[in-house]
């Protein structure tokens, strides 16, 4: 085959293939992406009595630490959520030098599953296919409603997962969304759309007050330094639980040696050592009884033999509830004088 014939054949292929390629495979004014979110669950454990527990979750570019691995109020379950949301955006030319407009053509879960773990054994006991449950209700365009996609609550002695979602309804280039709530009972797997049945009594709302103590700001550096939560805040009380205290901190901040901590959670020491050795970033969520003393919590999170003393610790006027400086000599005094909700 001479060179001219070869060029002619390539030219014919271009005439035939290019229009088909442009019209069928390429959508110049459309874009599609998949947003995946995982809580990054690693492990969970509770003590023998079931009063204290923890769950570990990864955080890096793949995992978002805003999505906290949840523990139910009875320390029976922990939950790991996995979602993939497909989003197709269409750009529409308006003409007359006006800016283009964009609208969503389709937005719904490609995947939405929740793994349920027995917190006492650490074993996965079931996987809930939420996407399938929504599709059975004829809801094809469900997407998360907020950063807190679901939360744990308790009604009439039963544990429920409440899913907060939006349902998108499309008509041409217009769409409307409506927020909806769905409740899944973890005890009998019953599923409720919008409202719980009348025979289920709502529990009273928590009267607990969120109090924050900025440990690194108030305590001398040579006494104790704890990386508590993302903003170095120590949560004394948490309104998510009526009778529990939840503390979130980095696994890296946990001590290598703490006999009391690792006696309470025998599996934790090896888990912490592995994550540190592999340079894996992870958070740990502790849940303790509400009546635990703050000193006991700090003792669990400090190196063995590290003493907490308050000599010379002063709550500054800007941080105190009455606008005056106060020298404190115990954790109780620190909690008494610090502003409630102080950041």
Protein backbone atom coordinates (compact mmCIF):
# COMPACT_ATOMS: atom_id res chain seq x y z
CA UNK A 1 0.00 0.00 0.00
CA UNK A 2 1.48 3.31 -1.06
CA UNK A 3 1.59 6.34 1.22
CA UNK A 4 -1.28 8.21 -0.50
CA UNK A 5 -3.69 5.28 -0.05
CA UNK A 6 -2.75 5.02 3.61
CA UNK A 7 -3.50 8.72 4.20
CA UNK A 8 -6.82 8.39 2.31
CA UNK A 9 -7.93 5.45 4.49
CA UNK A 10 -7.04 7.36 7.67
CA UNK A 11 -9.04 10.34 6.32
CA UNK A 12 -12.11 8.15 5.71
CA UNK A 13 -11.87 6.64 9.19
CA UNK A 14 -11.75 10.15 10.64
CA UNK A 15 -14.89 11.20 8.73
CA UNK A 16 -16.83 8.13 9.87
CA UNK A 17 -15.62 7.77 13.46
CA UNK A 18 -15.24 11.35 14.69
CA UNK A 19 -18.91 12.41 14.42
CA UNK A 20 -19.99 9.19 16.11
CA UNK A 21 -17.38 9.70 18.82
CA UNK A 22 -18.41 13.29 19.42
CA UNK A 23 -22.11 12.52 19.45
CA UNK A 24 -22.14 9.25 21.36
CA UNK A 25 -19.15 9.11 23.65
CA UNK A 26 -18.35 12.71 24.43
CA UNK A 27 -20.81 14.99 26.22
CA UNK A 28 -19.16 18.41 25.90
CA UNK A 29 -21.62 20.19 28.18
CA UNK A 30 -22.10 17.50 30.79
CA UNK A 31 -19.95 16.28 33.63
CA UNK A 32 -20.38 13.30 35.93
CA UNK A 33 -18.61 12.42 39.11
CA UNK A 34 -18.93 9.98 41.97
CA UNK A 35 -18.44 11.14 45.53
CA UNK A 36 -17.48 8.36 47.91
CA UNK A 37 -17.62 8.69 51.68
CA UNK A 38 -16.57 6.18 54.27
CA UNK A 39 -16.26 6.59 58.00
CA UNK A 40 -13.09 4.52 57.94
CA UNK A 41 -14.01 2.10 60.72
CA UNK A 42 -11.05 0.08 62.06
CA UNK A 43 -12.07 -1.68 65.26
CA UNK A 44 -14.16 -1.47 68.44
CA UNK A 45 -14.10 -2.92 71.94
CA UNK A 46 -15.80 -2.65 75.32
CA UNK A 47 -14.72 -3.63 78.80
CA UNK A 48 -16.03 -6.77 80.51
CA UNK A 49 -18.89 -4.95 82.19
CA UNK A 50 -19.89 -3.12 79.00
CA UNK A 51 -19.73 0.29 80.68
CA UNK A 52 -16.77 1.67 78.72
CA UNK A 53 -16.13 1.33 75.01
CA UNK A 54 -14.25 2.75 72.04
CA UNK A 55 -14.24 2.73 68.26
CA UNK A 56 -11.31 3.61 65.99
CA UNK A 57 -11.69 5.28 62.60
CA UNK A 58 -9.14 6.30 59.98
CA UNK A 59 -8.70 9.83 58.75
CA UNK A 60 -6.75 10.88 55.65
CA UNK A 61 -7.55 12.07 52.12
CA UNK A 62 -9.99 9.17 51.65
CA UNK A 63 -11.78 9.31 54.98
CA UNK A 64 -13.56 12.36 56.36
CA UNK A 65 -13.31 12.76 60.14
CA UNK A 66 -16.53 14.82 60.16
CA UNK A 67 -18.36 11.52 59.82
CA UNK A 68 -17.92 10.07 63.27
CA UNK A 69 -18.26 6.32 63.78
CA UNK A 70 -21.27 6.15 66.08
CA UNK A 71 -21.79 4.03 69.18
CA UNK A 72 -25.32 3.39 70.40
CA UNK A 73 -26.45 4.51 73.84
CA UNK A 74 -26.34 1.00 75.34
CA UNK A 75 -22.82 0.18 74.14
CA UNK A 76 -24.16 -2.70 72.05
CA UNK A 77 -23.44 -1.58 68.49
CA UNK A 78 -21.08 0.54 66.48
CA UNK A 79 -21.80 1.60 62.91
CA UNK A 80 -19.70 2.07 59.78
CA UNK A 81 -21.32 3.88 56.85
CA UNK A 82 -20.33 3.58 53.18
CA UNK A 83 -21.81 5.81 50.49
CA UNK A 84 -21.26 6.55 46.83
CA UNK A 85 -23.29 9.38 45.36
CA UNK A 86 -23.51 9.87 41.60
CA UNK A 87 -23.88 13.44 40.40
CA UNK A 88 -24.49 14.55 36.82
CA UNK A 89 -24.27 18.29 36.16
CA UNK A 90 -25.45 19.82 32.89
CA UNK A 91 -24.29 23.20 31.65
CA UNK A 92 -26.88 25.15 29.72
CA UNK A 93 -25.97 27.99 27.34
CA UNK A 94 -28.18 31.02 27.92
CA UNK A 95 -26.81 33.14 25.06
CA UNK A 96 -26.62 36.94 24.79
CA UNK A 97 -23.30 36.93 26.66
CA UNK A 98 -25.13 35.86 29.81
CA UNK A 99 -23.35 33.40 32.09
CA UNK A 100 -24.13 29.74 31.58
CA UNK A 101 -26.49 28.07 34.02
CA UNK A 102 -26.01 24.70 35.63
CA UNK A 103 -28.49 22.19 36.96
CA UNK A 104 -28.36 18.70 38.35
CA UNK A 105 -29.86 16.06 36.10
CA UNK A 106 -29.43 13.14 38.44
CA UNK A 107 -28.20 12.78 41.97
CA UNK A 108 -28.67 9.64 43.98
CA UNK A 109 -26.95 6.90 45.91
CA UNK A 110 -25.00 4.39 43.89
CA UNK A 111 -24.20 2.67 47.15
CA UNK A 112 -25.47 3.20 50.67
CA UNK A 113 -24.69 0.48 53.19
CA UNK A 114 -24.25 0.49 56.95
CA UNK A 115 -22.17 -2.18 58.65
CA UNK A 116 -23.27 -2.98 62.21
CA UNK A 117 -20.67 -4.34 64.64
CA UNK A 118 -21.13 -5.97 68.02
CA UNK A 119 -19.03 -3.68 70.18
CA UNK A 120 -18.36 -6.39 72.78
CA UNK A 121 -16.90 -8.87 70.29
CA UNK A 122 -15.79 -6.52 67.52
CA UNK A 123 -17.51 -8.76 64.96
CA UNK A 124 -19.72 -7.50 62.15
CA UNK A 125 -23.22 -8.84 62.73
CA UNK A 126 -25.02 -7.44 59.68
CA UNK A 127 -24.82 -5.13 56.68
CA UNK A 128 -27.85 -2.94 56.01
CA UNK A 129 -28.45 -2.07 52.34
CA UNK A 130 -30.13 1.30 52.72
CA UNK A 131 -30.15 1.97 48.97
CA UNK A 132 -32.31 -1.09 48.46
CA UNK A 133 -34.72 0.00 51.19
CA UNK A 134 -35.12 3.45 49.61
CA UNK A 135 -35.67 1.97 46.14
CA UNK A 136 -38.46 -0.23 47.48
CA UNK A 137 -40.18 2.99 48.54
CA UNK A 138 -39.83 4.36 45.00
CA UNK A 139 -37.15 6.87 46.01
CA UNK A 140 -34.47 6.72 43.32
CA UNK A 141 -32.80 10.09 43.83
CA UNK A 142 -32.00 10.03 47.53
CA UNK A 143 -28.88 11.84 48.69
CA UNK A 144 -27.44 12.87 52.09
CA UNK A 145 -29.16 15.84 53.68
CA UNK A 146 -26.30 17.11 55.84
CA UNK A 147 -22.84 16.37 57.15
CA UNK A 148 -24.45 14.27 59.86
CA UNK A 149 -26.01 11.70 57.52
CA UNK A 150 -27.36 9.59 60.35
CA UNK A 151 -27.50 9.55 64.10
CA UNK A 152 -28.31 7.10 66.86
CA UNK A 153 -31.28 7.62 69.12
CA UNK A 154 -33.37 5.60 71.53
CA UNK A 155 -37.16 5.42 71.82
CA UNK A 156 -39.12 3.29 74.27
CA UNK A 157 -36.12 1.14 75.11
CA UNK A 158 -35.25 0.42 71.47
CA UNK A 159 -32.23 1.60 69.48
CA UNK A 160 -32.90 3.41 66.20
CA UNK A 161 -30.73 4.79 63.44
CA UNK A 162 -32.22 7.97 61.99
CA UNK A 163 -31.20 8.70 58.39
CA UNK A 164 -31.48 12.32 57.24
CA UNK A 165 -31.79 12.44 53.44
CA UNK A 166 -33.17 14.51 50.58
CA UNK A 167 -35.30 13.20 47.74
CA UNK A 168 -34.76 14.97 44.41
CA UNK A 169 -37.64 15.13 41.94
CA UNK A 170 -36.84 16.26 38.39
CA UNK A 171 -38.96 17.92 35.74
CA UNK A 172 -37.02 18.98 32.67
CA UNK A 173 -34.22 21.26 33.80
CA UNK A 174 -35.90 21.93 37.15
CA UNK A 175 -35.73 19.95 40.31
CA UNK A 176 -37.14 20.13 43.80
CA UNK A 177 -35.81 18.51 46.91
CA UNK A 178 -37.51 17.63 50.15
CA UNK A 179 -35.84 16.63 53.40
CA UNK A 180 -37.01 13.38 54.90
CA UNK A 181 -36.18 11.20 57.87
CA UNK A 182 -36.19 7.43 58.00
CA UNK A 183 -35.89 5.35 61.14
CA UNK A 184 -34.45 1.83 61.27
CA UNK A 185 -34.97 -0.18 64.46
CA UNK A 186 -31.83 -2.18 65.19
CA UNK A 187 -33.65 -4.60 67.45
CA UNK A 188 -36.24 -5.92 64.97
CA UNK A 189 -35.03 -4.24 61.70
CA UNK A 190 -38.40 -2.48 61.21
CA UNK A 191 -38.22 0.56 58.91
CA UNK A 192 -40.24 3.77 59.32
CA UNK A 193 -40.71 6.60 56.84
CA UNK A 194 -40.88 10.05 58.41
CA UNK A 195 -42.46 9.31 61.78
CA UNK A 196 -42.17 6.57 64.33
CA UNK A 197 -45.35 4.64 65.22
CA UNK A 198 -47.61 6.07 67.91
CA UNK A 199 -46.86 3.29 70.36
CA UNK A 200 -43.21 4.34 70.46
CA UNK A 201 -42.72 7.06 73.03
CA UNK A 202 -40.11 9.70 72.38
CA UNK A 203 -37.47 9.93 75.07
CA UNK A 204 -37.04 13.23 76.84
CA UNK A 205 -34.46 15.49 75.27
CA UNK A 206 -31.14 15.57 77.02
CA UNK A 207 -30.70 18.29 79.58
CA UNK A 208 -26.94 17.86 79.69
CA UNK A 209 -24.84 20.89 78.86
CA UNK A 210 -21.84 20.77 76.59
CA UNK A 211 -18.81 22.03 78.48
CA UNK A 212 -15.42 22.43 76.88
CA UNK A 213 -12.05 22.83 78.56
CA UNK A 214 -9.10 23.84 76.36
CA UNK A 215 -6.54 21.64 78.11
CA UNK A 216 -3.46 22.90 76.26
CA UNK A 217 -4.41 26.50 76.97
CA UNK A 218 -5.03 26.13 80.70
CA UNK A 219 -2.58 23.51 81.92
CA UNK A 220 1.19 24.13 82.04
CA UNK A 221 3.01 22.35 79.22
CA UNK A 222 5.35 20.57 81.61
CA UNK A 223 2.42 18.96 83.42
CA UNK A 224 0.34 17.42 80.69
CA UNK A 225 -0.21 17.85 76.96
CA UNK A 226 -3.11 16.02 75.39
CA UNK A 227 -4.25 16.29 71.80
CA UNK A 228 -7.95 16.01 72.55
CA UNK A 229 -10.22 16.09 69.51
CA UNK A 230 -9.51 18.11 66.39
CA UNK A 231 -9.50 21.48 68.17
CA UNK A 232 -7.70 20.24 71.30
CA UNK A 233 -10.92 20.41 73.27
CA UNK A 234 -11.77 18.16 76.18
CA UNK A 235 -15.45 17.37 76.19
CA UNK A 236 -16.63 17.01 79.77
CA UNK A 237 -20.22 16.32 78.80
CA UNK A 238 -21.89 15.46 75.52
CA UNK A 239 -25.56 16.01 74.80
CA UNK A 240 -25.61 13.10 72.32
CA UNK A 241 -25.81 10.75 75.30
CA UNK A 242 -27.91 11.34 78.42
CA UNK A 243 -25.80 9.09 80.62
CA UNK A 244 -22.49 8.85 78.76
CA UNK A 245 -19.44 10.98 78.04
CA UNK A 246 -17.86 10.84 74.59
CA UNK A 247 -14.23 11.82 74.01
CA UNK A 248 -12.53 11.96 70.62
CA UNK A 249 -8.76 12.07 70.32
CA UNK A 250 -5.97 10.98 68.00
CA UNK A 251 -4.61 7.46 68.36
CA UNK A 252 -1.15 9.02 68.18
CA UNK A 253 -1.81 10.86 71.44
CA UNK A 254 -2.43 7.64 73.37
CA UNK A 255 0.42 6.56 75.66
CA UNK A 256 2.51 3.48 74.93
CA UNK A 257 2.40 2.51 78.60
CA UNK A 258 -0.75 2.84 80.65
CA UNK A 259 -1.62 -0.22 82.69
CA UNK A 260 -5.11 1.00 83.60
CA UNK A 261 -6.11 1.84 80.00
CA UNK A 262 -4.88 -1.40 78.46
CA UNK A 263 -6.28 -3.52 81.30
CA UNK A 264 -9.68 -1.99 80.56
CA UNK A 265 -9.28 -2.60 76.79
CA UNK A 266 -6.94 -5.61 76.23
CA UNK A 267 -7.01 -5.39 72.41
CA UNK A 268 -6.28 -1.68 72.24
CA UNK A 269 -2.53 -1.77 72.91
CA UNK A 270 -1.73 -3.96 69.90
CA UNK A 271 -4.08 -1.90 67.73
CA UNK A 272 -2.40 1.36 68.74
CA UNK A 273 1.08 -0.10 68.26
CA UNK A 274 0.18 -1.34 64.75
CA UNK A 275 -1.31 1.99 63.63
CA UNK A 276 1.67 3.95 64.95
CA UNK A 277 4.18 1.53 63.42
CA UNK A 278 2.49 1.74 60.01
CA UNK A 279 2.19 5.53 60.32
CA UNK A 280 -1.59 5.30 59.89
CA UNK A 281 -3.59 8.29 61.07
CA UNK A 282 -6.69 7.45 63.07
CA UNK A 283 -9.03 8.88 65.69
CA UNK A 284 -10.40 6.99 68.65
CA UNK A 285 -13.86 7.65 70.11
CA UNK A 286 -14.19 6.70 73.78
CA UNK A 287 -17.55 6.39 75.52
CA UNK A 288 -17.48 6.43 79.33
CA UNK A 289 -20.20 6.52 82.02
CA UNK A 290 -21.36 10.02 82.87
CA UNK A 291 -20.26 9.74 86.50
CA UNK A 292 -16.60 9.09 85.65
CA UNK A 293 -14.30 11.72 87.13
CA UNK A 294 -12.33 13.99 84.84
CA UNK A 295 -9.13 13.02 86.68
CA UNK A 296 -9.82 9.36 85.84
CA UNK A 297 -10.20 10.20 82.16
CA UNK A 298 -6.94 12.14 82.12
CA UNK A 299 -5.24 9.27 83.94
CA UNK A 300 -6.37 6.87 81.22
CA UNK A 301 -5.03 9.13 78.46
CA UNK A 302 -1.68 10.00 80.10
CA UNK A 303 1.60 8.03 80.24
CA UNK A 304 1.99 5.67 83.18
CA UNK A 305 2.98 7.51 86.35
CA UNK A 306 2.21 10.94 84.89
CA UNK A 307 0.75 13.01 87.71
CA UNK A 308 -1.80 15.73 87.19
CA UNK A 309 -1.22 18.66 89.53
CA UNK A 310 -2.76 22.11 89.59
CA UNK A 311 -0.12 24.18 91.35
CA UNK A 312 0.05 27.55 89.63
CA UNK A 313 -2.86 26.91 87.26
CA UNK A 314 -4.97 30.04 86.83
CA UNK A 315 -8.20 30.37 84.90
CA UNK A 316 -7.88 33.71 83.15
CA UNK A 317 -10.64 36.30 83.39
CA UNK A 318 -11.44 35.95 79.69
CA UNK A 319 -12.12 32.23 80.19
CA UNK A 320 -13.92 32.33 83.54
CA UNK A 321 -17.68 32.48 83.97
CA UNK A 322 -17.58 35.66 86.10
CA UNK A 323 -14.82 37.59 84.31
CA UNK A 324 -12.25 37.28 87.14
CA UNK A 325 -8.99 35.34 87.45
CA UNK A 326 -9.20 32.19 89.58
CA UNK A 327 -6.41 29.97 90.85
CA UNK A 328 -7.60 26.37 90.87
CA UNK A 329 -6.41 23.34 92.83
CA UNK A 330 -8.50 20.53 91.37
CA UNK A 331 -10.36 19.48 88.24
CA UNK A 332 -13.67 20.23 89.99
CA UNK A 333 -12.58 23.84 90.50
CA UNK A 334 -11.43 24.04 86.89
CA UNK A 335 -14.86 22.90 85.72
CA UNK A 336 -16.58 25.26 88.13
CA UNK A 337 -14.86 28.43 86.97
CA UNK A 338 -14.47 27.79 83.24
CA UNK A 339 -17.13 29.24 80.94
CA UNK A 340 -19.69 26.73 79.77
CA UNK A 341 -19.23 26.15 76.03
CA UNK A 342 -15.94 28.07 76.03
CA UNK A 343 -13.96 27.47 72.85
